[in-house]
Amino acid sequence: AGLRSLDGDIYKAAQIDGASPARMYLKIMVPAIWPIVVSVLVILLQMA
């Protein structure tokens, strides 16, 4: 849901710059949804 909420222009700009899919997700997409990542980690931690 976090990845789908990102602006598609970010994806296109990364492709134009020649970023590989792995680099694009690890360096651009995932950091852009960092608050959601933190929420997931906190929910999993309290579940544990």
ModelCIF file with pLDDT and N, C-alpha, C, O atoms, coordinates in Angstrom:
data_MODEL
#
_entry.id   MODEL 
#
_entity.id                         1 
_entity.type                       polymer 
_entity.pdbx_number_of_molecules   1 
#
_entity_poly.entity_id                      1 
_entity_poly.type                           'polypeptide(L)' 
_entity_poly.nstd_linkage                   no 
_entity_poly.nstd_monomer                   no 
_entity_poly.pdbx_seq_one_letter_code       AGLRSLDGDIYKAAQIDGASPARMYLKIMVPAIWPIVVSVLVILLQMA 
_entity_poly.pdbx_seq_one_letter_code_can   AGLRSLDGDIYKAAQIDGASPARMYLKIMVPAIWPIVVSVLVILLQMA 
_entity_poly.pdbx_strand_id                 A 
#
loop_
_entity_poly_seq.entity_id 
_entity_poly_seq.num 
_entity_poly_seq.mon_id 
_entity_poly_seq.hetero 
1 1  ALA n 
1 2  GLY n 
1 3  LEU n 
1 4  ARG n 
1 5  SER n 
1 6  LEU n 
1 7  ASP n 
1 8  GLY n 
1 9  ASP n 
1 10 ILE n 
1 11 TYR n 
1 12 LYS n 
1 13 ALA n 
1 14 ALA n 
1 15 GLN n 
1 16 ILE n 
1 17 ASP n 
1 18 GLY n 
1 19 ALA n 
1 20 SER n 
1 21 PRO n 
1 22 ALA n 
1 23 ARG n 
1 24 MET n 
1 25 TYR n 
1 26 LEU n 
1 27 LYS n 
1 28 ILE n 
1 29 MET n 
1 30 VAL n 
1 31 PRO n 
1 32 ALA n 
1 33 ILE n 
1 34 TRP n 
1 35 PRO n 
1 36 ILE n 
1 37 VAL n 
1 38 VAL n 
1 39 SER n 
1 40 VAL n 
1 41 LEU n 
1 42 VAL n 
1 43 ILE n 
1 44 LEU n 
1 45 LEU n 
1 46 GLN n 
1 47 MET n 
1 48 ALA n 
#
_struct_asym.id          A 
_struct_asym.entity_id   1 
#
loop_
_ma_qa_metric.id 
_ma_qa_metric.mode 
_ma_qa_metric.name 
_ma_qa_metric.software_group_id 
_ma_qa_metric.type 
1 global pLDDT . pLDDT 
2 local  pLDDT . pLDDT 
#
_ma_qa_metric_global.metric_id      1 
_ma_qa_metric_global.metric_value   84.33 
_ma_qa_metric_global.model_id       1 
_ma_qa_metric_global.ordinal_id     1 
#
loop_
_ma_qa_metric_local.label_asym_id 
_ma_qa_metric_local.label_comp_id 
_ma_qa_metric_local.label_seq_id 
_ma_qa_metric_local.metric_id 
_ma_qa_metric_local.metric_value 
_ma_qa_metric_local.model_id 
_ma_qa_metric_local.ordinal_id 
A ALA 1  2 91.00 1 1  
A GLY 2  2 91.00 1 2  
A LEU 3  2 89.00 1 3  
A ARG 4  2 87.00 1 4  
A SER 5  2 87.00 1 5  
A LEU 6  2 83.00 1 6  
A ASP 7  2 79.00 1 7  
A GLY 8  2 74.00 1 8  
A ASP 9  2 77.00 1 9  
A ILE 10 2 76.00 1 10 
A TYR 11 2 74.00 1 11 
A LYS 12 2 77.00 1 12 
A ALA 13 2 78.00 1 13 
A ALA 14 2 75.00 1 14 
A GLN 15 2 74.00 1 15 
A ILE 16 2 77.00 1 16 
A ASP 17 2 76.00 1 17 
A GLY 18 2 75.00 1 18 
A ALA 19 2 74.00 1 19 
A SER 20 2 77.00 1 20 
A PRO 21 2 77.00 1 21 
A ALA 22 2 80.00 1 22 
A ARG 23 2 81.00 1 23 
A MET 24 2 84.00 1 24 
A TYR 25 2 84.00 1 25 
A LEU 26 2 84.00 1 26 
A LYS 27 2 84.00 1 27 
A ILE 28 2 84.00 1 28 
A MET 29 2 87.00 1 29 
A VAL 30 2 87.00 1 30 
A PRO 31 2 87.00 1 31 
A ALA 32 2 87.00 1 32 
A ILE 33 2 90.00 1 33 
A TRP 34 2 88.00 1 34 
A PRO 35 2 86.00 1 35 
A ILE 36 2 91.00 1 36 
A VAL 37 2 92.00 1 37 
A VAL 38 2 89.00 1 38 
A SER 39 2 89.00 1 39 
A VAL 40 2 93.00 1 40 
A LEU 41 2 92.00 1 41 
A VAL 42 2 89.00 1 42 
A ILE 43 2 91.00 1 43 
A LEU 44 2 94.00 1 44 
A LEU 45 2 92.00 1 45 
A GLN 46 2 89.00 1 46 
A MET 47 2 92.00 1 47 
A ALA 48 2 94.00 1 48 
#
loop_
_atom_site.group_PDB 
_atom_site.id 
_atom_site.type_symbol 
_atom_site.label_atom_id 
_atom_site.label_alt_id 
_atom_site.label_comp_id 
_atom_site.label_asym_id 
_atom_site.label_entity_id 
_atom_site.label_seq_id 
_atom_site.pdbx_PDB_ins_code 
_atom_site.Cartn_x 
_atom_site.Cartn_y 
_atom_site.Cartn_z 
_atom_site.occupancy 
_atom_site.B_iso_or_equiv 
_atom_site.pdbx_formal_charge 
_atom_site.auth_seq_id 
_atom_site.auth_comp_id 
_atom_site.auth_asym_id 
_atom_site.auth_atom_id 
_atom_site.pdbx_PDB_model_num 
ATOM 1   N N  . ALA A 1 1  ? 0.839  -1.207  0.000   1.00 91.00 ? 1  ALA A N  1 
ATOM 2   C CA . ALA A 1 1  ? 0.000  0.000   0.000   1.00 91.00 ? 1  ALA A CA 1 
ATOM 3   C C  . ALA A 1 1  ? 0.873  1.256   0.000   1.00 91.00 ? 1  ALA A C  1 
ATOM 4   O O  . ALA A 1 1  ? 0.548  2.241   -0.663  1.00 91.00 ? 1  ALA A O  1 
ATOM 5   N N  . GLY A 1 2  ? 1.987  1.219   0.750   1.00 91.00 ? 2  GLY A N  1 
ATOM 6   C CA . GLY A 1 2  ? 2.899  2.352   0.767   1.00 91.00 ? 2  GLY A CA 1 
ATOM 7   C C  . GLY A 1 2  ? 3.560  2.576   -0.579  1.00 91.00 ? 2  GLY A C  1 
ATOM 8   O O  . GLY A 1 2  ? 3.663  3.714   -1.039  1.00 91.00 ? 2  GLY A O  1 
ATOM 9   N N  . LEU A 1 3  ? 4.008  1.506   -1.215  1.00 89.00 ? 3  LEU A N  1 
ATOM 10  C CA . LEU A 1 3  ? 4.647  1.627   -2.530  1.00 89.00 ? 3  LEU A CA 1 
ATOM 11  C C  . LEU A 1 3  ? 3.664  2.151   -3.575  1.00 89.00 ? 3  LEU A C  1 
ATOM 12  O O  . LEU A 1 3  ? 4.024  2.964   -4.426  1.00 89.00 ? 3  LEU A O  1 
ATOM 13  N N  . ARG A 1 4  ? 2.430  1.679   -3.503  1.00 87.00 ? 4  ARG A N  1 
ATOM 14  C CA . ARG A 1 4  ? 1.425  2.116   -4.478  1.00 87.00 ? 4  ARG A CA 1 
ATOM 15  C C  . ARG A 1 4  ? 0.987  3.559   -4.246  1.00 87.00 ? 4  ARG A C  1 
ATOM 16  O O  . ARG A 1 4  ? 0.422  4.187   -5.141  1.00 87.00 ? 4  ARG A O  1 
ATOM 17  N N  . SER A 1 5  ? 1.242  4.085   -3.059  1.00 87.00 ? 5  SER A N  1 
ATOM 18  C CA . SER A 1 5  ? 0.843  5.466   -2.767  1.00 87.00 ? 5  SER A CA 1 
ATOM 19  C C  . SER A 1 5  ? 1.848  6.495   -3.285  1.00 87.00 ? 5  SER A C  1 
ATOM 20  O O  . SER A 1 5  ? 1.560  7.692   -3.294  1.00 87.00 ? 5  SER A O  1 
ATOM 21  N N  . LEU A 1 6  ? 3.026  6.036   -3.716  1.00 83.00 ? 6  LEU A N  1 
ATOM 22  C CA . LEU A 1 6  ? 4.054  6.955   -4.197  1.00 83.00 ? 6  LEU A CA 1 
ATOM 23  C C  . LEU A 1 6  ? 3.699  7.504   -5.571  1.00 83.00 ? 6  LEU A C  1 
ATOM 24  O O  . LEU A 1 6  ? 3.022  6.848   -6.363  1.00 83.00 ? 6  LEU A O  1 
ATOM 25  N N  . ASP A 1 7  ? 4.162  8.703   -5.834  1.00 79.00 ? 7  ASP A N  1 
ATOM 26  C CA . ASP A 1 7  ? 3.949  9.335   -7.134  1.00 79.00 ? 7  ASP A CA 1 
ATOM 27  C C  . ASP A 1 7  ? 4.687  8.540   -8.210  1.00 79.00 ? 7  ASP A C  1 
ATOM 28  O O  . ASP A 1 7  ? 5.867  8.227   -8.053  1.00 79.00 ? 7  ASP A O  1 
ATOM 29  N N  . GLY A 1 8  ? 3.993  8.213   -9.305  1.00 74.00 ? 8  GLY A N  1 
ATOM 30  C CA . GLY A 1 8  ? 4.607  7.463   -10.391 1.00 74.00 ? 8  GLY A CA 1 
ATOM 31  C C  . GLY A 1 8  ? 5.774  8.175   -11.038 1.00 74.00 ? 8  GLY A C  1 
ATOM 32  O O  . GLY A 1 8  ? 6.617  7.540   -11.672 1.00 74.00 ? 8  GLY A O  1 
ATOM 33  N N  . ASP A 1 9  ? 5.834  9.502   -10.884 1.00 77.00 ? 9  ASP A N  1 
ATOM 34  C CA . ASP A 1 9  ? 6.943  10.251  -11.487 1.00 77.00 ? 9  ASP A CA 1 
ATOM 35  C C  . ASP A 1 9  ? 8.282  9.878   -10.855 1.00 77.00 ? 9  ASP A C  1 
ATOM 36  O O  . ASP A 1 9  ? 9.322  9.948   -11.510 1.00 77.00 ? 9  ASP A O  1 
ATOM 37  N N  . ILE A 1 10 ? 8.256  9.482   -9.586  1.00 76.00 ? 10 ILE A N  1 
ATOM 38  C CA . ILE A 1 10 ? 9.500  9.074   -8.930  1.00 76.00 ? 10 ILE A CA 1 
ATOM 39  C C  . ILE A 1 10 ? 10.071 7.838   -9.618  1.00 76.00 ? 10 ILE A C  1 
ATOM 40  O O  . ILE A 1 10 ? 11.273 7.742   -9.869  1.00 76.00 ? 10 ILE A O  1 
ATOM 41  N N  . TYR A 1 11 ? 9.185  6.901   -9.913  1.00 74.00 ? 11 TYR A N  1 
ATOM 42  C CA . TYR A 1 11 ? 9.593  5.669   -10.591 1.00 74.00 ? 11 TYR A CA 1 
ATOM 43  C C  . TYR A 1 11 ? 10.153 5.969   -11.981 1.00 74.00 ? 11 TYR A C  1 
ATOM 44  O O  . TYR A 1 11 ? 11.187 5.431   -12.375 1.00 74.00 ? 11 TYR A O  1 
ATOM 45  N N  . LYS A 1 12 ? 9.453  6.837   -12.718 1.00 77.00 ? 12 LYS A N  1 
ATOM 46  C CA . LYS A 1 12 ? 9.888  7.163   -14.079 1.00 77.00 ? 12 LYS A CA 1 
ATOM 47  C C  . LYS A 1 12 ? 11.211 7.912   -14.078 1.00 77.00 ? 12 LYS A C  1 
ATOM 48  O O  . LYS A 1 12 ? 12.072 7.664   -14.922 1.00 77.00 ? 12 LYS A O  1 
ATOM 49  N N  . ALA A 1 13 ? 11.372 8.825   -13.135 1.00 78.00 ? 13 ALA A N  1 
ATOM 50  C CA . ALA A 1 13 ? 12.627 9.587   -13.055 1.00 78.00 ? 13 ALA A CA 1 
ATOM 51  C C  . ALA A 1 13 ? 13.805 8.675   -12.757 1.00 78.00 ? 13 ALA A C  1 
ATOM 52  O O  . ALA A 1 13 ? 14.890 8.857   -13.309 1.00 78.00 ? 13 ALA A O  1 
ATOM 53  N N  . ALA A 1 14 ? 13.598 7.699   -11.889 1.00 75.00 ? 14 ALA A N  1 
ATOM 54  C CA . ALA A 1 14 ? 14.675 6.762   -11.560 1.00 75.00 ? 14 ALA A CA 1 
ATOM 55  C C  . ALA A 1 14 ? 15.035 5.911   -12.772 1.00 75.00 ? 14 ALA A C  1 
ATOM 56  O O  . ALA A 1 14 ? 16.207 5.615   -13.004 1.00 75.00 ? 14 ALA A O  1 
ATOM 57  N N  . GLN A 1 15 ? 14.014 5.514   -13.549 1.00 74.00 ? 15 GLN A N  1 
ATOM 58  C CA . GLN A 1 15 ? 14.278 4.732   -14.755 1.00 74.00 ? 15 GLN A CA 1 
ATOM 59  C C  . GLN A 1 15 ? 15.068 5.545   -15.770 1.00 74.00 ? 15 GLN A C  1 
ATOM 60  O O  . GLN A 1 15 ? 15.985 5.023   -16.405 1.00 74.00 ? 15 GLN A O  1 
ATOM 61  N N  . ILE A 1 16 ? 14.721 6.819   -15.928 1.00 77.00 ? 16 ILE A N  1 
ATOM 62  C CA . ILE A 1 16 ? 15.426 7.685   -16.877 1.00 77.00 ? 16 ILE A CA 1 
ATOM 63  C C  . ILE A 1 16 ? 16.880 7.856   -16.466 1.00 77.00 ? 16 ILE A C  1 
ATOM 64  O O  . ILE A 1 16 ? 17.768 7.916   -17.315 1.00 77.00 ? 16 ILE A O  1 
ATOM 65  N N  . ASP A 1 17 ? 17.120 7.935   -15.164 1.00 76.00 ? 17 ASP A N  1 
ATOM 66  C CA . ASP A 1 17 ? 18.493 8.083   -14.658 1.00 76.00 ? 17 ASP A CA 1 
ATOM 67  C C  . ASP A 1 17 ? 19.299 6.795   -14.744 1.00 76.00 ? 17 ASP A C  1 
ATOM 68  O O  . ASP A 1 17 ? 20.490 6.780   -14.434 1.00 76.00 ? 17 ASP A O  1 
ATOM 69  N N  . GLY A 1 18 ? 18.648 5.717   -15.165 1.00 75.00 ? 18 GLY A N  1 
ATOM 70  C CA . GLY A 1 18 ? 19.365 4.458   -15.354 1.00 75.00 ? 18 GLY A CA 1 
ATOM 71  C C  . GLY A 1 18 ? 19.511 3.619   -14.104 1.00 75.00 ? 18 GLY A C  1 
ATOM 72  O O  . GLY A 1 18 ? 20.361 2.729   -14.058 1.00 75.00 ? 18 GLY A O  1 
ATOM 73  N N  . ALA A 1 19 ? 18.700 3.878   -13.081 1.00 74.00 ? 19 ALA A N  1 
ATOM 74  C CA . ALA A 1 19 ? 18.790 3.095   -11.842 1.00 74.00 ? 19 ALA A CA 1 
ATOM 75  C C  . ALA A 1 19 ? 18.239 1.694   -12.066 1.00 74.00 ? 19 ALA A C  1 
ATOM 76  O O  . ALA A 1 19 ? 17.195 1.522   -12.696 1.00 74.00 ? 19 ALA A O  1 
ATOM 77  N N  . SER A 1 20 ? 18.942 0.698   -11.551 1.00 77.00 ? 20 SER A N  1 
ATOM 78  C CA . SER A 1 20 ? 18.456 -0.679  -11.642 1.00 77.00 ? 20 SER A CA 1 
ATOM 79  C C  . SER A 1 20 ? 17.261 -0.845  -10.709 1.00 77.00 ? 20 SER A C  1 
ATOM 80  O O  . SER A 1 20 ? 17.112 -0.084  -9.753  1.00 77.00 ? 20 SER A O  1 
ATOM 81  N N  . PRO A 1 21 ? 16.402 -1.842  -10.981 1.00 77.00 ? 21 PRO A N  1 
ATOM 82  C CA . PRO A 1 21 ? 15.230 -2.034  -10.109 1.00 77.00 ? 21 PRO A CA 1 
ATOM 83  C C  . PRO A 1 21 ? 15.598 -2.203  -8.636  1.00 77.00 ? 21 PRO A C  1 
ATOM 84  O O  . PRO A 1 21 ? 14.937 -1.636  -7.766  1.00 77.00 ? 21 PRO A O  1 
ATOM 85  N N  . ALA A 1 22 ? 16.660 -2.988  -8.346  1.00 80.00 ? 22 ALA A N  1 
ATOM 86  C CA . ALA A 1 22 ? 17.057 -3.205  -6.954  1.00 80.00 ? 22 ALA A CA 1 
ATOM 87  C C  . ALA A 1 22 ? 17.500 -1.895  -6.310  1.00 80.00 ? 22 ALA A C  1 
ATOM 88  O O  . ALA A 1 22 ? 17.105 -1.587  -5.186  1.00 80.00 ? 22 ALA A O  1 
ATOM 89  N N  . ARG A 1 23 ? 18.323 -1.125  -7.026  1.00 81.00 ? 23 ARG A N  1 
ATOM 90  C CA . ARG A 1 23 ? 18.799 0.152   -6.487  1.00 81.00 ? 23 ARG A CA 1 
ATOM 91  C C  . ARG A 1 23 ? 17.655 1.153   -6.328  1.00 81.00 ? 23 ARG A C  1 
ATOM 92  O O  . ARG A 1 23 ? 17.624 1.938   -5.380  1.00 81.00 ? 23 ARG A O  1 
ATOM 93  N N  . MET A 1 24 ? 16.728 1.108   -7.266  1.00 84.00 ? 24 MET A N  1 
ATOM 94  C CA . MET A 1 24 ? 15.605 2.038   -7.225  1.00 84.00 ? 24 MET A CA 1 
ATOM 95  C C  . MET A 1 24 ? 14.747 1.808   -5.981  1.00 84.00 ? 24 MET A C  1 
ATOM 96  O O  . MET A 1 24 ? 14.326 2.756   -5.319  1.00 84.00 ? 24 MET A O  1 
ATOM 97  N N  . TYR A 1 25 ? 14.496 0.537   -5.675  1.00 84.00 ? 25 TYR A N  1 
ATOM 98  C CA . TYR A 1 25 ? 13.663 0.246   -4.511  1.00 84.00 ? 25 TYR A CA 1 
ATOM 99  C C  . TYR A 1 25 ? 14.414 0.501   -3.201  1.00 84.00 ? 25 TYR A C  1 
ATOM 100 O O  . TYR A 1 25 ? 13.861 1.091   -2.273  1.00 84.00 ? 25 TYR A O  1 
ATOM 101 N N  . LEU A 1 26 ? 15.659 0.062   -3.127  1.00 84.00 ? 26 LEU A N  1 
ATOM 102 C CA . LEU A 1 26 ? 16.409 0.188   -1.878  1.00 84.00 ? 26 LEU A CA 1 
ATOM 103 C C  . LEU A 1 26 ? 16.827 1.617   -1.585  1.00 84.00 ? 26 LEU A C  1 
ATOM 104 O O  . LEU A 1 26 ? 16.874 2.013   -0.421  1.00 84.00 ? 26 LEU A O  1 
ATOM 105 N N  . LYS A 1 27 ? 17.128 2.393   -2.601  1.00 84.00 ? 27 LYS A N  1 
ATOM 106 C CA . LYS A 1 27 ? 17.651 3.755   -2.408  1.00 84.00 ? 27 LYS A CA 1 
ATOM 107 C C  . LYS A 1 27 ? 16.590 4.844   -2.521  1.00 84.00 ? 27 LYS A C  1 
ATOM 108 O O  . LYS A 1 27 ? 16.763 5.943   -1.995  1.00 84.00 ? 27 LYS A O  1 
ATOM 109 N N  . ILE A 1 28 ? 15.483 4.535   -3.213  1.00 84.00 ? 28 ILE A N  1 
ATOM 110 C CA . ILE A 1 28 ? 14.494 5.595   -3.472  1.00 84.00 ? 28 ILE A CA 1 
ATOM 111 C C  . ILE A 1 28 ? 13.128 5.252   -2.897  1.00 84.00 ? 28 ILE A C  1 
ATOM 112 O O  . ILE A 1 28 ? 12.582 5.997   -2.084  1.00 84.00 ? 28 ILE A O  1 
ATOM 113 N N  . MET A 1 29 ? 12.575 4.106   -3.329  1.00 87.00 ? 29 MET A N  1 
ATOM 114 C CA . MET A 1 29 ? 11.186 3.792   -2.987  1.00 87.00 ? 29 MET A CA 1 
ATOM 115 C C  . MET A 1 29 ? 11.001 3.470   -1.501  1.00 87.00 ? 29 MET A C  1 
ATOM 116 O O  . MET A 1 29 ? 10.121 4.028   -0.844  1.00 87.00 ? 29 MET A O  1 
ATOM 117 N N  . VAL A 1 30 ? 11.836 2.568   -0.976  1.00 87.00 ? 30 VAL A N  1 
ATOM 118 C CA . VAL A 1 30 ? 11.692 2.188   0.435   1.00 87.00 ? 30 VAL A CA 1 
ATOM 119 C C  . VAL A 1 30 ? 11.949 3.367   1.375   1.00 87.00 ? 30 VAL A C  1 
ATOM 120 O O  . VAL A 1 30 ? 11.172 3.565   2.309   1.00 87.00 ? 30 VAL A O  1 
ATOM 121 N N  . PRO A 1 31 ? 13.022 4.170   1.167   1.00 87.00 ? 31 PRO A N  1 
ATOM 122 C CA . PRO A 1 31 ? 13.185 5.347   2.031   1.00 87.00 ? 31 PRO A CA 1 
ATOM 123 C C  . PRO A 1 31 ? 12.011 6.313   1.948   1.00 87.00 ? 31 PRO A C  1 
ATOM 124 O O  . PRO A 1 31 ? 11.711 7.014   2.915   1.00 87.00 ? 31 PRO A O  1 
ATOM 125 N N  . ALA A 1 32 ? 11.341 6.353   0.789   1.00 87.00 ? 32 ALA A N  1 
ATOM 126 C CA . ALA A 1 32 ? 10.200 7.270   0.634   1.00 87.00 ? 32 ALA A CA 1 
ATOM 127 C C  . ALA A 1 32 ? 9.004  6.830   1.474   1.00 87.00 ? 32 ALA A C  1 
ATOM 128 O O  . ALA A 1 32 ? 8.162  7.656   1.827   1.00 87.00 ? 32 ALA A O  1 
ATOM 129 N N  . ILE A 1 33 ? 8.921  5.550   1.796   1.00 90.00 ? 33 ILE A N  1 
ATOM 130 C CA . ILE A 1 33 ? 7.809  5.064   2.632   1.00 90.00 ? 33 ILE A CA 1 
ATOM 131 C C  . ILE A 1 33 ? 8.315  4.685   4.028   1.00 90.00 ? 33 ILE A C  1 
ATOM 132 O O  . ILE A 1 33 ? 7.740  3.820   4.688   1.00 90.00 ? 33 ILE A O  1 
ATOM 133 N N  . TRP A 1 34 ? 9.393  5.336   4.470   1.00 88.00 ? 34 TRP A N  1 
ATOM 134 C CA . TRP A 1 34 ? 9.997  4.991   5.752   1.00 88.00 ? 34 TRP A CA 1 
ATOM 135 C C  . TRP A 1 34 ? 9.014  5.035   6.927   1.00 88.00 ? 34 TRP A C  1 
ATOM 136 O O  . TRP A 1 34 ? 9.072  4.146   7.776   1.00 88.00 ? 34 TRP A O  1 
ATOM 137 N N  . PRO A 1 35 ? 8.113  6.023   7.020   1.00 86.00 ? 35 PRO A N  1 
ATOM 138 C CA . PRO A 1 35 ? 7.154  6.010   8.134   1.00 86.00 ? 35 PRO A CA 1 
ATOM 139 C C  . PRO A 1 35 ? 6.301  4.737   8.168   1.00 86.00 ? 35 PRO A C  1 
ATOM 140 O O  . PRO A 1 35 ? 5.975  4.235   9.244   1.00 86.00 ? 35 PRO A O  1 
ATOM 141 N N  . ILE A 1 36 ? 5.943  4.218   6.988   1.00 91.00 ? 36 ILE A N  1 
ATOM 142 C CA . ILE A 1 36 ? 5.167  2.977   6.943   1.00 91.00 ? 36 ILE A CA 1 
ATOM 143 C C  . ILE A 1 36 ? 6.028  1.796   7.371   1.00 91.00 ? 36 ILE A C  1 
ATOM 144 O O  . ILE A 1 36 ? 5.554  0.892   8.058   1.00 91.00 ? 36 ILE A O  1 
ATOM 145 N N  . VAL A 1 37 ? 7.302  1.806   6.961   1.00 92.00 ? 37 VAL A N  1 
ATOM 146 C CA . VAL A 1 37 ? 8.221  0.743   7.372   1.00 92.00 ? 37 VAL A CA 1 
ATOM 147 C C  . VAL A 1 37 ? 8.342  0.721   8.897   1.00 92.00 ? 37 VAL A C  1 
ATOM 148 O O  . VAL A 1 37 ? 8.309  -0.344  9.514   1.00 92.00 ? 37 VAL A O  1 
ATOM 149 N N  . VAL A 1 38 ? 8.483  1.901   9.495   1.00 89.00 ? 38 VAL A N  1 
ATOM 150 C CA . VAL A 1 38 ? 8.580  1.987   10.953  1.00 89.00 ? 38 VAL A CA 1 
ATOM 151 C C  . VAL A 1 38 ? 7.306  1.459   11.606  1.00 89.00 ? 38 VAL A C  1 
ATOM 152 O O  . VAL A 1 38 ? 7.367  0.745   12.607  1.00 89.00 ? 38 VAL A O  1 
ATOM 153 N N  . SER A 1 39 ? 6.156  1.809   11.041  1.00 89.00 ? 39 SER A N  1 
ATOM 154 C CA . SER A 1 39 ? 4.883  1.329   11.586  1.00 89.00 ? 39 SER A CA 1 
ATOM 155 C C  . SER A 1 39 ? 4.809  -0.190  11.539  1.00 89.00 ? 39 SER A C  1 
ATOM 156 O O  . SER A 1 39 ? 4.362  -0.824  12.494  1.00 89.00 ? 39 SER A O  1 
ATOM 157 N N  . VAL A 1 40 ? 5.248  -0.774  10.427  1.00 93.00 ? 40 VAL A N  1 
ATOM 158 C CA . VAL A 1 40 ? 5.247  -2.231  10.289  1.00 93.00 ? 40 VAL A CA 1 
ATOM 159 C C  . VAL A 1 40 ? 6.149  -2.869  11.346  1.00 93.00 ? 40 VAL A C  1 
ATOM 160 O O  . VAL A 1 40 ? 5.767  -3.852  11.982  1.00 93.00 ? 40 VAL A O  1 
ATOM 161 N N  . LEU A 1 41 ? 7.343  -2.310  11.532  1.00 92.00 ? 41 LEU A N  1 
ATOM 162 C CA . LEU A 1 41 ? 8.276  -2.857  12.515  1.00 92.00 ? 41 LEU A CA 1 
ATOM 163 C C  . LEU A 1 41 ? 7.716  -2.771  13.929  1.00 92.00 ? 41 LEU A C  1 
ATOM 164 O O  . LEU A 1 41 ? 7.864  -3.704  14.717  1.00 92.00 ? 41 LEU A O  1 
ATOM 165 N N  . VAL A 1 42 ? 7.072  -1.652  14.250  1.00 89.00 ? 42 VAL A N  1 
ATOM 166 C CA . VAL A 1 42 ? 6.506  -1.478  15.593  1.00 89.00 ? 42 VAL A CA 1 
ATOM 167 C C  . VAL A 1 42 ? 5.349  -2.461  15.812  1.00 89.00 ? 42 VAL A C  1 
ATOM 168 O O  . VAL A 1 42 ? 5.240  -3.061  16.882  1.00 89.00 ? 42 VAL A O  1 
ATOM 169 N N  . ILE A 1 43 ? 4.493  -2.625  14.808  1.00 91.00 ? 43 ILE A N  1 
ATOM 170 C CA . ILE A 1 43 ? 3.374  -3.564  14.937  1.00 91.00 ? 43 ILE A CA 1 
ATOM 171 C C  . ILE A 1 43 ? 3.890  -4.987  15.125  1.00 91.00 ? 43 ILE A C  1 
ATOM 172 O O  . ILE A 1 43 ? 3.383  -5.730  15.965  1.00 91.00 ? 43 ILE A O  1 
ATOM 173 N N  . LEU A 1 44 ? 4.901  -5.363  14.340  1.00 94.00 ? 44 LEU A N  1 
ATOM 174 C CA . LEU A 1 44 ? 5.473  -6.700  14.479  1.00 94.00 ? 44 LEU A CA 1 
ATOM 175 C C  . LEU A 1 44 ? 6.126  -6.889  15.846  1.00 94.00 ? 44 LEU A C  1 
ATOM 176 O O  . LEU A 1 44 ? 6.053  -7.967  16.436  1.00 94.00 ? 44 LEU A O  1 
ATOM 177 N N  . LEU A 1 45 ? 6.767  -5.825  16.345  1.00 92.00 ? 45 LEU A N  1 
ATOM 178 C CA . LEU A 1 45 ? 7.422  -5.917  17.650  1.00 92.00 ? 45 LEU A CA 1 
ATOM 179 C C  . LEU A 1 45 ? 6.411  -6.116  18.766  1.00 92.00 ? 45 LEU A C  1 
ATOM 180 O O  . LEU A 1 45 ? 6.618  -6.946  19.651  1.00 92.00 ? 45 LEU A O  1 
ATOM 181 N N  . GLN A 1 46 ? 5.321  -5.364  18.730  1.00 89.00 ? 46 GLN A N  1 
ATOM 182 C CA . GLN A 1 46 ? 4.325  -5.550  19.787  1.00 89.00 ? 46 GLN A CA 1 
ATOM 183 C C  . GLN A 1 46 ? 3.619  -6.895  19.644  1.00 89.00 ? 46 GLN A C  1 
ATOM 184 O O  . GLN A 1 46 ? 3.184  -7.469  20.642  1.00 89.00 ? 46 GLN A O  1 
ATOM 185 N N  . MET A 1 47 ? 3.499  -7.408  18.410  1.00 92.00 ? 47 MET A N  1 
ATOM 186 C CA . MET A 1 47 ? 2.959  -8.758  18.224  1.00 92.00 ? 47 MET A CA 1 
ATOM 187 C C  . MET A 1 47 ? 3.890  -9.796  18.847  1.00 92.00 ? 47 MET A C  1 
ATOM 188 O O  . MET A 1 47 ? 3.438  -10.762 19.461  1.00 92.00 ? 47 MET A O  1 
ATOM 189 N N  . ALA A 1 48 ? 5.197  -9.582  18.681  1.00 94.00 ? 48 ALA A N  1 
ATOM 190 C CA . ALA A 1 48 ? 6.175  -10.517 19.244  1.00 94.00 ? 48 ALA A CA 1 
ATOM 191 C C  . ALA A 1 48 ? 6.106  -10.531 20.763  1.00 94.00 ? 48 ALA A C  1 
ATOM 192 O O  . ALA A 1 48 ? 6.858  -11.261 21.409  1.00 94.00 ? 48 ALA A O  1 
#
